[in-house]
Amino acid sequence: MPITKYEGQTITGKTLVIEEYLLVNCVLRQCDVFYSGGDFEWINTTFDNCSIHFRGPALKTVQFEQALGMLKQPQMPPTAQKSTSGKMN
């Protein structure tokens, strides 16, 4: 599998399969990041408002850890409730 190297870049709004990239001193913003359980490497890289998606063996590992109580089940954020006065809380 070919590897693409990003160094010292800000990457915004991309879809990345993390096993296909070497990230060095990067910032990922609003990206969809997919991880399937393979080897990956990032050095001094931060993730800002990214969505992380697990597939294949990585997803099975997360599901197994959740079943054992090692990881919490994902929770939806609370929604705003309308009060009787018509104003939002």
N, C-alpha and C. Protein backbone atom coordinates (compact mmCIF):
# COMPACT_ATOMS: atom_id res chain seq x y z
N MET A 1 0.86 -1.17 0.00
CA MET A 1 0.00 0.00 0.00
C MET A 1 0.90 1.24 0.00
N PRO A 2 0.68 2.16 -0.94
CA PRO A 2 1.52 3.36 -0.99
C PRO A 2 1.24 4.28 0.20
N ILE A 3 2.29 4.97 0.64
CA ILE A 3 2.19 5.89 1.77
C ILE A 3 2.40 7.31 1.23
N THR A 4 1.53 8.21 1.65
CA THR A 4 1.67 9.63 1.32
C THR A 4 2.15 10.35 2.57
N LYS A 5 3.20 11.15 2.43
CA LYS A 5 3.75 11.87 3.56
C LYS A 5 3.32 13.33 3.51
N TYR A 6 2.79 13.81 4.63
CA TYR A 6 2.50 15.22 4.83
C TYR A 6 3.39 15.70 5.96
N GLU A 7 4.05 16.82 5.76
CA GLU A 7 4.91 17.36 6.81
C GLU A 7 4.68 18.86 6.92
N GLY A 8 4.39 19.31 8.18
CA GLY A 8 4.21 20.73 8.45
C GLY A 8 3.03 21.35 7.74
N GLN A 9 1.97 20.58 7.54
CA GLN A 9 0.81 21.09 6.82
C GLN A 9 -0.44 21.10 7.68
N THR A 10 -1.36 21.97 7.33
CA THR A 10 -2.71 21.94 7.89
C THR A 10 -3.59 21.36 6.81
N ILE A 11 -4.27 20.27 7.15
CA ILE A 11 -5.13 19.56 6.20
C ILE A 11 -6.56 19.76 6.67
N THR A 12 -7.39 20.31 5.81
CA THR A 12 -8.76 20.65 6.19
C THR A 12 -9.76 19.96 5.26
N GLY A 13 -10.77 19.34 5.89
CA GLY A 13 -11.91 18.82 5.15
C GLY A 13 -11.65 17.62 4.26
N LYS A 14 -10.58 16.87 4.53
CA LYS A 14 -10.27 15.71 3.71
C LYS A 14 -10.77 14.43 4.36
N THR A 15 -10.87 13.39 3.57
CA THR A 15 -11.13 12.04 4.06
C THR A 15 -9.82 11.27 3.94
N LEU A 16 -9.37 10.72 5.08
CA LEU A 16 -8.09 10.02 5.11
C LEU A 16 -8.26 8.62 5.68
N VAL A 17 -7.63 7.65 5.04
CA VAL A 17 -7.48 6.32 5.62
C VAL A 17 -6.11 6.37 6.27
N ILE A 18 -6.09 6.40 7.61
CA ILE A 18 -4.88 6.76 8.35
C ILE A 18 -3.69 5.84 8.06
N GLU A 19 -3.96 4.59 7.72
CA GLU A 19 -2.85 3.67 7.41
C GLU A 19 -2.11 4.05 6.13
N GLU A 20 -2.66 4.93 5.32
CA GLU A 20 -2.05 5.30 4.05
C GLU A 20 -1.21 6.58 4.12
N TYR A 21 -1.08 7.16 5.35
CA TYR A 21 -0.40 8.45 5.48
C TYR A 21 0.63 8.43 6.58
N LEU A 22 1.71 9.17 6.37
CA LEU A 22 2.69 9.50 7.39
C LEU A 22 2.51 10.99 7.63
N LEU A 23 2.13 11.35 8.85
CA LEU A 23 1.86 12.74 9.20
C LEU A 23 2.91 13.22 10.19
N VAL A 24 3.62 14.28 9.85
CA VAL A 24 4.68 14.83 10.70
C VAL A 24 4.41 16.32 10.87
N ASN A 25 4.25 16.74 12.14
CA ASN A 25 4.02 18.15 12.46
C ASN A 25 2.84 18.73 11.68
N CYS A 26 1.73 18.02 11.68
CA CYS A 26 0.55 18.44 10.92
C CYS A 26 -0.61 18.75 11.86
N VAL A 27 -1.58 19.45 11.31
CA VAL A 27 -2.86 19.68 11.96
C VAL A 27 -3.93 19.21 10.99
N LEU A 28 -4.81 18.32 11.46
CA LEU A 28 -5.95 17.89 10.68
C LEU A 28 -7.17 18.59 11.24
N ARG A 29 -7.91 19.30 10.37
CA ARG A 29 -9.11 20.04 10.80
C ARG A 29 -10.31 19.56 10.01
N GLN A 30 -11.36 19.25 10.74
CA GLN A 30 -12.64 18.86 10.15
C GLN A 30 -12.47 17.78 9.09
N CYS A 31 -11.64 16.80 9.39
CA CYS A 31 -11.41 15.68 8.48
C CYS A 31 -12.18 14.45 8.95
N ASP A 32 -12.47 13.56 8.02
CA ASP A 32 -12.98 12.23 8.34
C ASP A 32 -11.78 11.30 8.30
N VAL A 33 -11.47 10.68 9.44
CA VAL A 33 -10.31 9.82 9.55
C VAL A 33 -10.78 8.39 9.77
N PHE A 34 -10.39 7.50 8.88
CA PHE A 34 -10.78 6.09 8.95
C PHE A 34 -9.58 5.26 9.38
N TYR A 35 -9.83 4.34 10.32
CA TYR A 35 -8.78 3.45 10.82
C TYR A 35 -9.31 2.02 10.81
N SER A 36 -8.54 1.12 10.18
CA SER A 36 -8.97 -0.27 10.02
C SER A 36 -8.16 -1.26 10.86
N GLY A 37 -7.20 -0.78 11.63
CA GLY A 37 -6.44 -1.67 12.49
C GLY A 37 -5.02 -1.95 12.01
N GLY A 38 -4.61 -1.34 10.92
CA GLY A 38 -3.26 -1.56 10.41
C GLY A 38 -2.25 -0.61 11.03
N ASP A 39 -1.01 -0.72 10.56
CA ASP A 39 0.06 0.15 11.06
C ASP A 39 -0.20 1.59 10.63
N PHE A 40 0.16 2.52 11.49
CA PHE A 40 0.04 3.95 11.18
C PHE A 40 1.18 4.67 11.86
N GLU A 41 1.43 5.89 11.39
CA GLU A 41 2.45 6.70 12.05
C GLU A 41 2.12 8.17 11.89
N TRP A 42 2.04 8.86 13.02
CA TRP A 42 1.97 10.30 13.00
C TRP A 42 2.83 10.81 14.13
N ILE A 43 3.51 11.90 13.84
CA ILE A 43 4.45 12.50 14.78
C ILE A 43 4.06 13.95 14.99
N ASN A 44 3.82 14.32 16.25
CA ASN A 44 3.48 15.69 16.59
C ASN A 44 2.35 16.23 15.70
N THR A 45 1.29 15.45 15.61
CA THR A 45 0.14 15.80 14.79
C THR A 45 -1.08 15.95 15.67
N THR A 46 -1.89 16.97 15.41
CA THR A 46 -3.10 17.19 16.20
C THR A 46 -4.33 17.07 15.30
N PHE A 47 -5.43 16.72 15.95
CA PHE A 47 -6.71 16.53 15.26
C PHE A 47 -7.69 17.53 15.84
N ASP A 48 -8.23 18.40 15.01
CA ASP A 48 -9.14 19.46 15.43
C ASP A 48 -10.50 19.24 14.77
N ASN A 49 -11.49 18.88 15.60
CA ASN A 49 -12.86 18.69 15.13
C ASN A 49 -12.94 17.66 13.99
N CYS A 50 -12.21 16.57 14.14
CA CYS A 50 -12.24 15.49 13.15
C CYS A 50 -13.19 14.39 13.61
N SER A 51 -13.74 13.66 12.66
CA SER A 51 -14.55 12.48 12.96
C SER A 51 -13.68 11.25 12.74
N ILE A 52 -13.61 10.40 13.76
CA ILE A 52 -12.81 9.18 13.67
C ILE A 52 -13.77 8.02 13.44
N HIS A 53 -13.48 7.22 12.43
CA HIS A 53 -14.32 6.08 12.07
C HIS A 53 -13.47 4.81 12.13
N PHE A 54 -14.00 3.79 12.76
CA PHE A 54 -13.31 2.50 12.86
C PHE A 54 -13.95 1.53 11.89
N ARG A 55 -13.10 0.74 11.20
CA ARG A 55 -13.58 -0.26 10.26
C ARG A 55 -12.85 -1.58 10.50
N GLY A 56 -13.41 -2.66 10.01
CA GLY A 56 -12.75 -3.96 10.03
C GLY A 56 -12.30 -4.37 11.41
N PRO A 57 -11.05 -4.84 11.54
CA PRO A 57 -10.54 -5.31 12.83
C PRO A 57 -10.55 -4.22 13.92
N ALA A 58 -10.33 -2.98 13.55
CA ALA A 58 -10.36 -1.90 14.55
C ALA A 58 -11.77 -1.76 15.13
N LEU A 59 -12.78 -1.84 14.29
CA LEU A 59 -14.16 -1.75 14.74
C LEU A 59 -14.50 -2.92 15.65
N LYS A 60 -14.07 -4.12 15.27
CA LYS A 60 -14.33 -5.31 16.10
C LYS A 60 -13.67 -5.17 17.47
N THR A 61 -12.47 -4.60 17.53
CA THR A 61 -11.78 -4.39 18.80
C THR A 61 -12.55 -3.41 19.68
N VAL A 62 -13.02 -2.31 19.09
CA VAL A 62 -13.80 -1.33 19.85
C VAL A 62 -15.08 -1.97 20.37
N GLN A 63 -15.77 -2.73 19.53
CA GLN A 63 -17.01 -3.39 19.95
C GLN A 63 -16.75 -4.40 21.08
N PHE A 64 -15.66 -5.13 21.01
CA PHE A 64 -15.29 -6.10 22.04
C PHE A 64 -15.03 -5.39 23.36
N GLU A 65 -14.26 -4.30 23.32
CA GLU A 65 -13.97 -3.54 24.54
C GLU A 65 -15.23 -2.92 25.13
N GLN A 66 -16.16 -2.48 24.30
CA GLN A 66 -17.42 -1.95 24.80
C GLN A 66 -18.24 -3.07 25.47
N ALA A 67 -18.26 -4.25 24.87
CA ALA A 67 -19.01 -5.38 25.44
C ALA A 67 -18.46 -5.78 26.80
N LEU A 68 -17.16 -5.64 26.99
CA LEU A 68 -16.54 -5.98 28.27
C LEU A 68 -16.61 -4.84 29.28
N GLY A 69 -17.12 -3.70 28.85
CA GLY A 69 -17.22 -2.55 29.75
C GLY A 69 -15.93 -1.76 29.85
N MET A 70 -14.98 -2.04 28.99
CA MET A 70 -13.70 -1.33 29.01
C MET A 70 -13.83 0.07 28.39
N LEU A 71 -14.78 0.23 27.48
CA LEU A 71 -15.06 1.51 26.84
C LEU A 71 -16.53 1.82 27.02
N LYS A 72 -16.83 3.08 27.18
CA LYS A 72 -18.22 3.49 27.28
C LYS A 72 -18.85 3.49 25.89
N GLN A 73 -20.14 3.22 25.86
CA GLN A 73 -20.88 3.32 24.62
C GLN A 73 -20.94 4.79 24.21
N PRO A 74 -20.88 5.09 22.91
CA PRO A 74 -20.99 6.48 22.49
C PRO A 74 -22.33 7.06 22.93
N GLN A 75 -22.31 8.32 23.32
CA GLN A 75 -23.53 8.99 23.75
C GLN A 75 -23.79 10.20 22.87
N MET A 76 -25.05 10.44 22.64
CA MET A 76 -25.45 11.62 21.88
C MET A 76 -25.39 12.83 22.81
N PRO A 77 -25.00 13.99 22.28
CA PRO A 77 -25.00 15.19 23.13
C PRO A 77 -26.43 15.56 23.51
N PRO A 78 -26.60 16.21 24.67
CA PRO A 78 -27.96 16.59 25.08
C PRO A 78 -28.54 17.60 24.11
N THR A 79 -29.84 17.53 23.94
CA THR A 79 -30.51 18.49 23.07
C THR A 79 -31.15 19.57 23.92
N ALA A 80 -31.28 20.76 23.34
CA ALA A 80 -31.94 21.86 24.05
C ALA A 80 -33.42 21.55 24.16
N GLN A 81 -34.00 21.87 25.28
CA GLN A 81 -35.42 21.62 25.49
C GLN A 81 -36.16 22.95 25.53
N LYS A 82 -37.32 22.95 24.93
CA LYS A 82 -38.13 24.15 24.90
C LYS A 82 -38.89 24.29 26.21
N SER A 83 -38.82 25.45 26.82
CA SER A 83 -39.55 25.66 28.08
C SER A 83 -40.99 26.05 27.76
N THR A 84 -41.82 26.05 28.77
CA THR A 84 -43.23 26.41 28.59
C THR A 84 -43.39 27.88 28.24
N SER A 85 -42.40 28.71 28.53
CA SER A 85 -42.49 30.13 28.20
C SER A 85 -42.14 30.40 26.74
N GLY A 86 -41.69 29.35 26.03
CA GLY A 86 -41.33 29.51 24.63
C GLY A 86 -39.88 29.90 24.42
N LYS A 87 -39.12 30.12 25.50
CA LYS A 87 -37.71 30.45 25.39
C LYS A 87 -36.89 29.18 25.49
N MET A 88 -35.77 29.17 24.79
CA MET A 88 -34.88 28.02 24.85
C MET A 88 -34.08 28.07 26.14
N ASN A 89 -33.84 26.89 26.75
CA ASN A 89 -33.01 26.80 27.96
C ASN A 89 -31.57 26.88 27.62
